[in-house]
Amino acid sequence: MDRSTDPIELLQRFDLKEYEATALAFLLEAGRSTAPDVSDATGIPKARVYGVLDSLAAEGFIRVIPGRPKEYQPKSPEEILERTKENRRQAFEDYRRSVESLRGDFLDVFGPLYEQAPEDVSPTAELFHVVDVGEPSEVETRRLYHDAAESIYVITNSFAYFDSVKPAVENALDSGKTISVLFLDPHHLPDEKADVQEEIVTEIADTYPEIGYRFSSEVSPWRGTFIDPSMEYDSGEAIFLVEEPNVPDHKRQAAITENGSFVAGMKRYFDLIWNHQSTRNQHK
């Protein structure tokens, strides 16, 4: 990391509020301290500092040491990183359970309405629907990781969005699902994207050895994620976008399909590239 990186700004990237990041940055440097010490050193108002420290304790980033006065001990940076991931994972699971608790009422209310609606759609509309690239497409991608029964396949350039789907990836691996990733060989990528890819590949190799990955020697006409393909054409779902080099991602849309035949075709393409036009190592 660049030593000029501001510690408070770095902590705020973990969704900490300004006072929380300020207090935690101070504690990591100063060690065990009282609330008045934190307030005096950071400028956090004394009326606010106890609430800020209690919030950090609730997040699991610091320990409260009983006494008169109480003291606050920061956990190690490694523990803070792990707790940050666990908090995000737990928040996702809480939200998922909340949604599931509404399933019965939701289906009872909207199921009959949907069944009564006109079905004036074209064959193409039945085959695909679209979402904007960005957060909407990442939400759908995370859903696929959750909904997959057995297998998940990814075709990507650098997997730059890996952090946004990481909790879903971890849950999928914990559930015994297989994940295979086909990267684009970095010599096809700009240096900046090649560097991003290298970081992601290193993290996958070090932290998620269950994930299989290779590097396609040629640019794929599409990229995306698909799950549970079947050569009987009776299962599978995918989200993907076609390559449009001159169109920025924020102006693009990703297609989603539940057509088993289409997803089976994607798997045949994936296997062809994986087995005959890819390598295990990067060639920068």
C-alpha atoms as a PDB file:
ATOM      1  CA  MET A   1       0.000   0.000   0.000  1.00  0.00           C
ATOM      2  CA  ASP A   2       1.158   3.549  -0.693  1.00  0.00           C
ATOM      3  CA  ARG A   3       2.284   5.001   2.641  1.00  0.00           C
ATOM      4  CA  SER A   4       0.611   8.272   1.687  1.00  0.00           C
ATOM      5  CA  THR A   5      -2.803   6.574   1.871  1.00  0.00           C
ATOM      6  CA  ASP A   6      -4.928   8.290   4.494  1.00  0.00           C
ATOM      7  CA  PRO A   7      -5.776   5.759   7.259  1.00  0.00           C
ATOM      8  CA  ILE A   8      -9.182   7.283   7.945  1.00  0.00           C
ATOM      9  CA  GLU A   9     -10.184   7.245   4.281  1.00  0.00           C
ATOM     10  CA  LEU A  10      -9.001   3.640   4.052  1.00  0.00           C
ATOM     11  CA  LEU A  11     -11.158   2.604   7.017  1.00  0.00           C
ATOM     12  CA  GLN A  12     -14.160   4.450   5.585  1.00  0.00           C
ATOM     13  CA  ARG A  13     -13.965   2.119   2.597  1.00  0.00           C
ATOM     14  CA  PHE A  14     -15.167  -0.561   5.041  1.00  0.00           C
ATOM     15  CA  ASP A  15     -18.395   1.447   5.468  1.00  0.00           C
ATOM     16  CA  LEU A  16     -17.307   3.046   8.734  1.00  0.00           C
ATOM     17  CA  LYS A  17     -18.626   6.515   9.463  1.00  0.00           C
ATOM     18  CA  GLU A  18     -16.109   9.340   9.769  1.00  0.00           C
ATOM     19  CA  TYR A  19     -16.013   9.384  13.581  1.00  0.00           C
ATOM     20  CA  GLU A  20     -15.799   5.577  13.714  1.00  0.00           C
ATOM     21  CA  ALA A  21     -12.924   5.521  11.237  1.00  0.00           C
ATOM     22  CA  THR A  22     -11.179   8.349  13.088  1.00  0.00           C
ATOM     23  CA  ALA A  23     -11.468   6.611  16.459  1.00  0.00           C
ATOM     24  CA  LEU A  24     -10.348   3.238  15.119  1.00  0.00           C
ATOM     25  CA  ALA A  25      -7.371   4.750  13.303  1.00  0.00           C
ATOM     26  CA  PHE A  26      -6.290   6.412  16.550  1.00  0.00           C
ATOM     27  CA  LEU A  27      -6.687   3.222  18.593  1.00  0.00           C
ATOM     28  CA  LEU A  28      -4.716   1.178  16.070  1.00  0.00           C
ATOM     29  CA  GLU A  29      -1.847   3.622  16.468  1.00  0.00           C
ATOM     30  CA  ALA A  30      -2.112   4.422  20.187  1.00  0.00           C
ATOM     31  CA  GLY A  31      -3.328   1.103  21.585  1.00  0.00           C
ATOM     32  CA  ARG A  32      -5.548   0.739  24.651  1.00  0.00           C
ATOM     33  CA  SER A  33      -7.122   4.102  25.511  1.00  0.00           C
ATOM     34  CA  THR A  34     -10.005   5.639  27.420  1.00  0.00           C
ATOM     35  CA  ALA A  35     -12.886   7.450  25.773  1.00  0.00           C
ATOM     36  CA  PRO A  36     -11.640  10.870  26.967  1.00  0.00           C
ATOM     37  CA  ASP A  37      -8.207  10.060  25.506  1.00  0.00           C
ATOM     38  CA  VAL A  38      -9.817   9.251  22.162  1.00  0.00           C
ATOM     39  CA  SER A  39     -11.898  12.416  22.276  1.00  0.00           C
ATOM     40  CA  ASP A  40      -8.952  14.645  23.166  1.00  0.00           C
ATOM     41  CA  ALA A  41      -6.676  13.139  20.521  1.00  0.00           C
ATOM     42  CA  THR A  42      -9.160  13.052  17.651  1.00  0.00           C
ATOM     43  CA  GLY A  43     -11.509  15.954  18.268  1.00  0.00           C
ATOM     44  CA  ILE A  44     -14.546  13.685  18.449  1.00  0.00           C
ATOM     45  CA  PRO A  45     -16.980  15.451  20.813  1.00  0.00           C
ATOM     46  CA  LYS A  46     -17.130  13.886  24.276  1.00  0.00           C
ATOM     47  CA  ALA A  47     -20.904  13.632  23.910  1.00  0.00           C
ATOM     48  CA  ARG A  48     -20.397  11.419  20.861  1.00  0.00           C
ATOM     49  CA  VAL A  49     -17.263   9.440  21.598  1.00  0.00           C
ATOM     50  CA  TYR A  50     -18.872   6.770  23.819  1.00  0.00           C
ATOM     51  CA  GLY A  51     -21.477   5.986  21.181  1.00  0.00           C
ATOM     52  CA  VAL A  52     -18.776   5.805  18.517  1.00  0.00           C
ATOM     53  CA  LEU A  53     -16.695   3.384  20.584  1.00  0.00           C
ATOM     54  CA  ASP A  54     -19.735   1.272  21.445  1.00  0.00           C
ATOM     55  CA  SER A  55     -20.495   1.021  17.730  1.00  0.00           C
ATOM     56  CA  LEU A  56     -16.944  -0.156  16.979  1.00  0.00           C
ATOM     57  CA  ALA A  57     -17.244  -2.722  19.763  1.00  0.00           C
ATOM     58  CA  ALA A  58     -20.575  -3.953  18.374  1.00  0.00           C
ATOM     59  CA  GLU A  59     -18.936  -4.391  14.968  1.00  0.00           C
ATOM     60  CA  GLY A  60     -16.240  -6.496  16.636  1.00  0.00           C
ATOM     61  CA  PHE A  61     -13.358  -4.155  15.806  1.00  0.00           C
ATOM     62  CA  ILE A  62     -12.368  -3.285  19.390  1.00  0.00           C
ATOM     63  CA  ARG A  63     -12.607  -4.829  22.861  1.00  0.00           C
ATOM     64  CA  VAL A  64     -14.065  -3.047  25.884  1.00  0.00           C
ATOM     65  CA  ILE A  65     -11.862  -3.439  28.971  1.00  0.00           C
ATOM     66  CA  PRO A  66     -13.953  -3.035  32.161  1.00  0.00           C
ATOM     67  CA  GLY A  67     -12.708  -0.608  34.770  1.00  0.00           C
ATOM     68  CA  ARG A  68     -12.984   2.915  36.059  1.00  0.00           C
ATOM     69  CA  PRO A  69     -12.719   4.320  33.502  1.00  0.00           C
ATOM     70  CA  LYS A  70     -13.363   1.738  30.817  1.00  0.00           C
ATOM     71  CA  GLU A  71     -10.651   1.309  28.229  1.00  0.00           C
ATOM     72  CA  TYR A  72     -10.872   0.327  24.592  1.00  0.00           C
ATOM     73  CA  GLN A  73      -8.409  -2.067  22.936  1.00  0.00           C
ATOM     74  CA  PRO A  74      -8.242  -2.374  19.131  1.00  0.00           C
ATOM     75  CA  LYS A  75      -8.154  -5.804  17.579  1.00  0.00           C
ATOM     76  CA  SER A  76      -5.367  -6.598  15.140  1.00  0.00           C
ATOM     77  CA  PRO A  77      -5.662  -5.410  11.520  1.00  0.00           C
ATOM     78  CA  GLU A  78      -6.015  -9.033  10.393  1.00  0.00           C
ATOM     79  CA  GLU A  79      -8.872  -9.610  12.854  1.00  0.00           C
ATOM     80  CA  ILE A  80     -10.556  -6.402  11.694  1.00  0.00           C
ATOM     81  CA  LEU A  81     -10.394  -7.524   8.064  1.00  0.00           C
ATOM     82  CA  GLU A  82     -11.877 -10.916   8.883  1.00  0.00           C
ATOM     83  CA  ARG A  83     -14.588  -9.363  11.037  1.00  0.00           C
ATOM     84  CA  THR A  84     -15.467  -6.925   8.243  1.00  0.00           C
ATOM     85  CA  LYS A  85     -16.048  -9.841   5.873  1.00  0.00           C
ATOM     86  CA  GLU A  86     -18.053 -11.735   8.473  1.00  0.00           C
ATOM     87  CA  ASN A  87     -20.229  -8.695   9.216  1.00  0.00           C
ATOM     88  CA  ARG A  88     -21.007  -8.265   5.522  1.00  0.00           C
ATOM     89  CA  ARG A  89     -21.724 -11.975   5.138  1.00  0.00           C
ATOM     90  CA  GLN A  90     -24.019 -11.943   8.164  1.00  0.00           C
ATOM     91  CA  ALA A  91     -25.848  -8.857   6.906  1.00  0.00           C
ATOM     92  CA  PHE A  92     -26.461 -10.605   3.598  1.00  0.00           C
ATOM     93  CA  GLU A  93     -27.720 -13.741   5.349  1.00  0.00           C
ATOM     94  CA  ASP A  94     -30.017 -11.690   7.587  1.00  0.00           C
ATOM     95  CA  TYR A  95     -31.435  -9.939   4.541  1.00  0.00           C
ATOM     96  CA  ARG A  96     -31.877 -13.231   2.692  1.00  0.00           C
ATOM     97  CA  ARG A  97     -33.758 -14.728   5.649  1.00  0.00           C
ATOM     98  CA  SER A  98     -35.916 -11.609   5.839  1.00  0.00           C
ATOM     99  CA  VAL A  99     -36.826 -11.967   2.177  1.00  0.00           C
ATOM    100  CA  GLU A 100     -37.533 -15.680   2.610  1.00  0.00           C
ATOM    101  CA  SER A 101     -39.850 -14.922   5.527  1.00  0.00           C
ATOM    102  CA  LEU A 102     -42.001 -12.910   3.115  1.00  0.00           C
ATOM    103  CA  ARG A 103     -42.133 -15.659   0.493  1.00  0.00           C
ATOM    104  CA  GLY A 104     -45.541 -17.044   1.434  1.00  0.00           C
ATOM    105  CA  ASP A 105     -47.303 -13.687   1.618  1.00  0.00           C
ATOM    106  CA  PHE A 106     -45.561 -12.409  -1.494  1.00  0.00           C
ATOM    107  CA  LEU A 107     -46.519 -15.417  -3.610  1.00  0.00           C
ATOM    108  CA  ASP A 108     -50.066 -15.451  -2.237  1.00  0.00           C
ATOM    109  CA  VAL A 109     -50.561 -11.807  -3.194  1.00  0.00           C
ATOM    110  CA  PHE A 110     -48.717 -11.546  -6.479  1.00  0.00           C
ATOM    111  CA  GLY A 111     -48.907 -15.091  -7.835  1.00  0.00           C
ATOM    112  CA  PRO A 112     -52.585 -14.882  -8.835  1.00  0.00           C
ATOM    113  CA  LEU A 113     -52.095 -11.382 -10.250  1.00  0.00           C
ATOM    114  CA  TYR A 114     -49.198 -12.560 -12.389  1.00  0.00           C
ATOM    115  CA  GLU A 115     -51.133 -15.569 -13.659  1.00  0.00           C
ATOM    116  CA  GLN A 116     -54.016 -13.314 -14.712  1.00  0.00           C
ATOM    117  CA  ALA A 117     -51.794 -10.855 -16.578  1.00  0.00           C
ATOM    118  CA  PRO A 118     -51.785 -10.931 -20.410  1.00  0.00           C
ATOM    119  CA  GLU A 119     -49.015 -13.026 -21.938  1.00  0.00           C
ATOM    120  CA  ASP A 120     -48.467 -10.873 -24.989  1.00  0.00           C
ATOM    121  CA  VAL A 121     -44.700 -11.356 -25.238  1.00  0.00           C
ATOM    122  CA  SER A 122     -42.460 -12.259 -28.143  1.00  0.00           C
ATOM    123  CA  PRO A 123     -40.347 -15.439 -28.289  1.00  0.00           C
ATOM    124  CA  THR A 124     -37.253 -13.275 -27.791  1.00  0.00           C
ATOM    125  CA  ALA A 125     -38.724 -11.665 -24.688  1.00  0.00           C
ATOM    126  CA  GLU A 126     -39.450 -15.119 -23.297  1.00  0.00           C
ATOM    127  CA  LEU A 127     -35.848 -16.158 -23.920  1.00  0.00           C
ATOM    128  CA  PHE A 128     -34.141 -13.123 -22.354  1.00  0.00           C
ATOM    129  CA  HIS A 129     -34.703 -10.195 -20.089  1.00  0.00           C
ATOM    130  CA  VAL A 130     -32.146  -7.504 -19.352  1.00  0.00           C
ATOM    131  CA  VAL A 131     -30.717  -5.503 -16.445  1.00  0.00           C
ATOM    132  CA  ASP A 132     -28.298  -2.591 -16.399  1.00  0.00           C
ATOM    133  CA  VAL A 133     -24.613  -3.404 -16.041  1.00  0.00           C
ATOM    134  CA  GLY A 134     -23.308  -2.390 -12.619  1.00  0.00           C
ATOM    135  CA  GLU A 135     -25.056  -2.927  -9.310  1.00  0.00           C
ATOM    136  CA  PRO A 136     -28.208  -4.485 -10.903  1.00  0.00           C
ATOM    137  CA  SER A 137     -26.151  -7.049 -12.820  1.00  0.00           C
ATOM    138  CA  GLU A 138     -24.004  -7.766  -9.747  1.00  0.00           C
ATOM    139  CA  VAL A 139     -27.141  -8.395  -7.676  1.00  0.00           C
ATOM    140  CA  GLU A 140     -28.309 -10.903 -10.285  1.00  0.00           C
ATOM    141  CA  THR A 141     -24.878 -12.523 -10.354  1.00  0.00           C
ATOM    142  CA  ARG A 142     -24.895 -12.956  -6.576  1.00  0.00           C
ATOM    143  CA  ARG A 143     -28.343 -14.509  -6.874  1.00  0.00           C
ATOM    144  CA  LEU A 144     -27.022 -17.069  -9.343  1.00  0.00           C
ATOM    145  CA  TYR A 145     -24.280 -18.081  -6.910  1.00  0.00           C
ATOM    146  CA  HIS A 146     -26.949 -18.568  -4.262  1.00  0.00           C
ATOM    147  CA  ASP A 147     -29.433 -20.388  -6.508  1.00  0.00           C
ATOM    148  CA  ALA A 148     -26.932 -22.769  -8.104  1.00  0.00           C
ATOM    149  CA  ALA A 149     -27.477 -26.373  -7.095  1.00  0.00           C
ATOM    150  CA  GLU A 150     -24.119 -27.774  -8.162  1.00  0.00           C
ATOM    151  CA  SER A 151     -21.946 -25.801 -10.548  1.00  0.00           C
ATOM    152  CA  ILE A 152     -21.041 -22.220 -11.440  1.00  0.00           C
ATOM    153  CA  TYR A 153     -19.106 -21.138 -14.533  1.00  0.00           C
ATOM    154  CA  VAL A 154     -17.622 -17.698 -15.151  1.00  0.00           C
ATOM    155  CA  ILE A 155     -16.175 -16.165 -18.309  1.00  0.00           C
ATOM    156  CA  THR A 156     -14.501 -12.863 -17.504  1.00  0.00           C
ATOM    157  CA  ASN A 157     -11.734 -10.528 -18.560  1.00  0.00           C
ATOM    158  CA  SER A 158     -10.183  -9.616 -15.204  1.00  0.00           C
ATOM    159  CA  PHE A 159     -12.969 -10.511 -12.696  1.00  0.00           C
ATOM    160  CA  ALA A 160     -12.751  -6.899 -11.502  1.00  0.00           C
ATOM    161  CA  TYR A 161     -16.103  -7.242  -9.725  1.00  0.00           C
ATOM    162  CA  PHE A 162     -14.875 -10.169  -7.599  1.00  0.00           C
ATOM    163  CA  ASP A 163     -15.061  -8.224  -4.326  1.00  0.00           C
ATOM    164  CA  SER A 164     -18.750  -7.478  -4.887  1.00  0.00           C
ATOM    165  CA  VAL A 165     -19.613 -11.179  -5.244  1.00  0.00           C
ATOM    166  CA  LYS A 166     -17.063 -12.551  -2.772  1.00  0.00           C
ATOM    167  CA  PRO A 167     -19.566 -13.329   0.035  1.00  0.00           C
ATOM    168  CA  ALA A 168     -21.715 -15.211  -2.471  1.00  0.00           C
ATOM    169  CA  VAL A 169     -18.642 -17.067  -3.745  1.00  0.00           C
ATOM    170  CA  GLU A 170     -17.690 -18.084  -0.215  1.00  0.00           C
ATOM    171  CA  ASN A 171     -21.210 -19.274   0.575  1.00  0.00           C
ATOM    172  CA  ALA A 172     -21.284 -21.285  -2.643  1.00  0.00           C
ATOM    173  CA  LEU A 173     -17.977 -22.972  -1.838  1.00  0.00           C
ATOM    174  CA  ASP A 174     -19.105 -23.671   1.719  1.00  0.00           C
ATOM    175  CA  SER A 175     -22.183 -25.370   0.242  1.00  0.00           C
ATOM    176  CA  GLY A 176     -20.040 -27.683  -1.874  1.00  0.00           C
ATOM    177  CA  LYS A 177     -20.731 -26.025  -5.215  1.00  0.00           C
ATOM    178  CA  THR A 178     -17.995 -26.080  -7.855  1.00  0.00           C
ATOM    179  CA  ILE A 179     -16.777 -22.847  -9.429  1.00  0.00           C
ATOM    180  CA  SER A 180     -14.765 -22.626 -12.658  1.00  0.00           C
ATOM    181  CA  VAL A 181     -13.445 -19.321 -13.996  1.00  0.00           C
ATOM    182  CA  LEU A 182     -12.190 -18.687 -17.517  1.00  0.00           C
ATOM    183  CA  PHE A 183     -10.117 -15.499 -17.541  1.00  0.00           C
ATOM    184  CA  LEU A 184      -8.944 -13.696 -20.652  1.00  0.00           C
ATOM    185  CA  ASP A 185      -5.202 -14.073 -21.105  1.00  0.00           C
ATOM    186  CA  PRO A 186      -3.735 -10.794 -19.782  1.00  0.00           C
ATOM    187  CA  HIS A 187      -1.761 -10.029 -22.936  1.00  0.00           C
ATOM    188  CA  HIS A 188      -5.142  -9.041 -24.422  1.00  0.00           C
ATOM    189  CA  LEU A 189      -5.782  -6.578 -21.571  1.00  0.00           C
ATOM    190  CA  PRO A 190      -4.573  -3.026 -20.925  1.00  0.00           C
ATOM    191  CA  ASP A 191      -1.870  -2.928 -18.256  1.00  0.00           C
ATOM    192  CA  GLU A 192      -4.247  -1.550 -15.626  1.00  0.00           C
ATOM    193  CA  LYS A 193      -6.768  -4.350 -16.118  1.00  0.00           C
ATOM    194  CA  ALA A 194      -4.002  -6.941 -16.321  1.00  0.00           C
ATOM    195  CA  ASP A 195      -2.754  -5.774 -12.917  1.00  0.00           C
ATOM    196  CA  VAL A 196      -6.263  -6.070 -11.486  1.00  0.00           C
ATOM    197  CA  GLN A 197      -6.555  -9.563 -12.913  1.00  0.00           C
ATOM    198  CA  GLU A 198      -3.224 -10.571 -11.388  1.00  0.00           C
ATOM    199  CA  GLU A 199      -4.372  -9.426  -7.935  1.00  0.00           C
ATOM    200  CA  ILE A 200      -7.645 -11.332  -8.235  1.00  0.00           C
ATOM    201  CA  VAL A 201      -5.954 -14.492  -9.498  1.00  0.00           C
ATOM    202  CA  THR A 202      -3.445 -14.357  -6.646  1.00  0.00           C
ATOM    203  CA  GLU A 203      -6.245 -13.989  -4.109  1.00  0.00           C
ATOM    204  CA  ILE A 204      -8.173 -16.892  -5.618  1.00  0.00           C
ATOM    205  CA  ALA A 205      -5.103 -19.122  -5.704  1.00  0.00           C
ATOM    206  CA  ASP A 206      -4.145 -18.287  -2.117  1.00  0.00           C
ATOM    207  CA  THR A 207      -7.559 -18.120  -0.463  1.00  0.00           C
ATOM    208  CA  TYR A 208      -9.940 -20.162  -2.600  1.00  0.00           C
ATOM    209  CA  PRO A 209      -7.947 -23.106  -3.985  1.00  0.00           C
ATOM    210  CA  GLU A 210     -11.208 -24.957  -4.701  1.00  0.00           C
ATOM    211  CA  ILE A 211     -11.897 -22.570  -7.583  1.00  0.00           C
ATOM    212  CA  GLY A 212     -10.624 -23.856 -10.906  1.00  0.00           C
ATOM    213  CA  TYR A 213      -9.373 -21.285 -13.384  1.00  0.00           C
ATOM    214  CA  ARG A 214      -7.668 -21.033 -16.757  1.00  0.00           C
ATOM    215  CA  PHE A 215      -6.775 -18.281 -19.249  1.00  0.00           C
ATOM    216  CA  SER A 216      -8.401 -18.095 -22.666  1.00  0.00           C
ATOM    217  CA  SER A 217      -5.943 -17.462 -25.465  1.00  0.00           C
ATOM    218  CA  GLU A 218      -8.592 -15.627 -27.504  1.00  0.00           C
ATOM    219  CA  VAL A 219     -11.092 -12.884 -26.711  1.00  0.00           C
ATOM    220  CA  SER A 220     -14.520 -14.352 -26.014  1.00  0.00           C
ATOM    221  CA  PRO A 221     -17.539 -12.857 -27.809  1.00  0.00           C
ATOM    222  CA  TRP A 222     -19.360 -12.742 -24.476  1.00  0.00           C
ATOM    223  CA  ARG A 223     -18.697 -12.845 -20.752  1.00  0.00           C
ATOM    224  CA  GLY A 224     -20.827 -13.631 -17.770  1.00  0.00           C
ATOM    225  CA  THR A 225     -21.899 -16.328 -15.329  1.00  0.00           C
ATOM    226  CA  PHE A 226     -24.028 -19.418 -15.831  1.00  0.00           C
ATOM    227  CA  ILE A 227     -25.111 -22.188 -13.489  1.00  0.00           C
ATOM    228  CA  ASP A 228     -26.217 -25.816 -13.542  1.00  0.00           C
ATOM    229  CA  PRO A 229     -26.143 -26.514 -17.295  1.00  0.00           C
ATOM    230  CA  SER A 230     -27.726 -29.770 -18.413  1.00  0.00           C
ATOM    231  CA  MET A 231     -27.280 -31.619 -21.673  1.00  0.00           C
ATOM    232  CA  GLU A 232     -30.920 -32.646 -21.272  1.00  0.00           C
ATOM    233  CA  TYR A 233     -31.700 -28.910 -21.563  1.00  0.00           C
ATOM    234  CA  ASP A 234     -33.884 -29.020 -18.469  1.00  0.00           C
ATOM    235  CA  SER A 235     -31.952 -26.720 -16.129  1.00  0.00           C
ATOM    236  CA  GLY A 236     -29.609 -23.781 -16.060  1.00  0.00           C
ATOM    237  CA  GLU A 237     -29.614 -20.013 -15.852  1.00  0.00           C
ATOM    238  CA  ALA A 238     -27.197 -17.350 -17.051  1.00  0.00           C
ATOM    239  CA  ILE A 239     -26.379 -13.662 -17.026  1.00  0.00           C
ATOM    240  CA  PHE A 240     -24.093 -12.385 -19.760  1.00  0.00           C
ATOM    241  CA  LEU A 241     -23.191  -9.497 -22.016  1.00  0.00           C
ATOM    242  CA  VAL A 242     -21.682  -9.519 -25.466  1.00  0.00           C
ATOM    243  CA  GLU A 243     -18.421  -7.766 -26.233  1.00  0.00           C
ATOM    244  CA  GLU A 244     -18.934  -4.197 -27.461  1.00  0.00           C
ATOM    245  CA  PRO A 245     -15.461  -2.636 -27.247  1.00  0.00           C
ATOM    246  CA  ASN A 246     -16.566   0.930 -27.930  1.00  0.00           C
ATOM    247  CA  VAL A 247     -19.462   0.996 -25.465  1.00  0.00           C
ATOM    248  CA  PRO A 248     -18.656   1.782 -21.795  1.00  0.00           C
ATOM    249  CA  ASP A 249     -20.081  -0.645 -19.247  1.00  0.00           C
ATOM    250  CA  HIS A 250     -22.311   1.978 -17.598  1.00  0.00           C
ATOM    251  CA  LYS A 251     -24.241   2.307 -20.871  1.00  0.00           C
ATOM    252  CA  ARG A 252     -24.698  -1.419 -21.344  1.00  0.00           C
ATOM    253  CA  GLN A 253     -27.206  -4.045 -20.330  1.00  0.00           C
ATOM    254  CA  ALA A 254     -26.733  -7.684 -19.389  1.00  0.00           C
ATOM    255  CA  ALA A 255     -29.061 -10.411 -20.612  1.00  0.00           C
ATOM    256  CA  ILE A 256     -30.541 -13.017 -18.278  1.00  0.00           C
ATOM    257  CA  THR A 257     -31.924 -16.326 -19.494  1.00  0.00           C
ATOM    258  CA  GLU A 258     -33.428 -19.404 -17.884  1.00  0.00           C
ATOM    259  CA  ASN A 259     -33.539 -21.286 -21.170  1.00  0.00           C
ATOM    260  CA  GLY A 260     -31.931 -24.677 -20.571  1.00  0.00           C
ATOM    261  CA  SER A 261     -30.994 -25.175 -24.216  1.00  0.00           C
ATOM    262  CA  PHE A 262     -29.230 -21.829 -24.385  1.00  0.00           C
ATOM    263  CA  VAL A 263     -27.323 -22.483 -21.156  1.00  0.00           C
ATOM    264  CA  ALA A 264     -26.298 -25.922 -22.425  1.00  0.00           C
ATOM    265  CA  GLY A 265     -24.867 -24.209 -25.497  1.00  0.00           C
ATOM    266  CA  MET A 266     -22.907 -21.853 -23.260  1.00  0.00           C
ATOM    267  CA  LYS A 267     -21.467 -24.869 -21.448  1.00  0.00           C
ATOM    268  CA  ARG A 268     -20.391 -26.459 -24.736  1.00  0.00           C
ATOM    269  CA  TYR A 269     -18.623 -23.230 -25.668  1.00  0.00           C
ATOM    270  CA  PHE A 270     -17.017 -23.022 -22.215  1.00  0.00           C
ATOM    271  CA  ASP A 271     -15.738 -26.609 -22.456  1.00  0.00           C
ATOM    272  CA  LEU A 272     -14.318 -26.001 -25.927  1.00  0.00           C
ATOM    273  CA  ILE A 273     -12.284 -23.002 -24.769  1.00  0.00           C
ATOM    274  CA  TRP A 274     -11.340 -24.593 -21.434  1.00  0.00           C
ATOM    275  CA  ASN A 275     -10.052 -27.796 -23.019  1.00  0.00           C
ATOM    276  CA  HIS A 276      -8.533 -26.553 -26.274  1.00  0.00           C
ATOM    277  CA  GLN A 277      -7.919 -22.792 -26.265  1.00  0.00           C
ATOM    278  CA  SER A 278      -6.755 -21.952 -22.753  1.00  0.00           C
ATOM    279  CA  THR A 279      -3.763 -22.395 -20.472  1.00  0.00           C
ATOM    280  CA  ARG A 280      -3.289 -22.781 -16.736  1.00  0.00           C
ATOM    281  CA  ASN A 281      -0.855 -19.871 -16.498  1.00  0.00           C
ATOM    282  CA  GLN A 282      -0.988 -16.195 -17.373  1.00  0.00           C
ATOM    283  CA  HIS A 283       1.142 -14.917 -20.250  1.00  0.00           C
ATOM    284  CA  LYS A 284       1.747 -11.233 -19.667  1.00  0.00           C
END
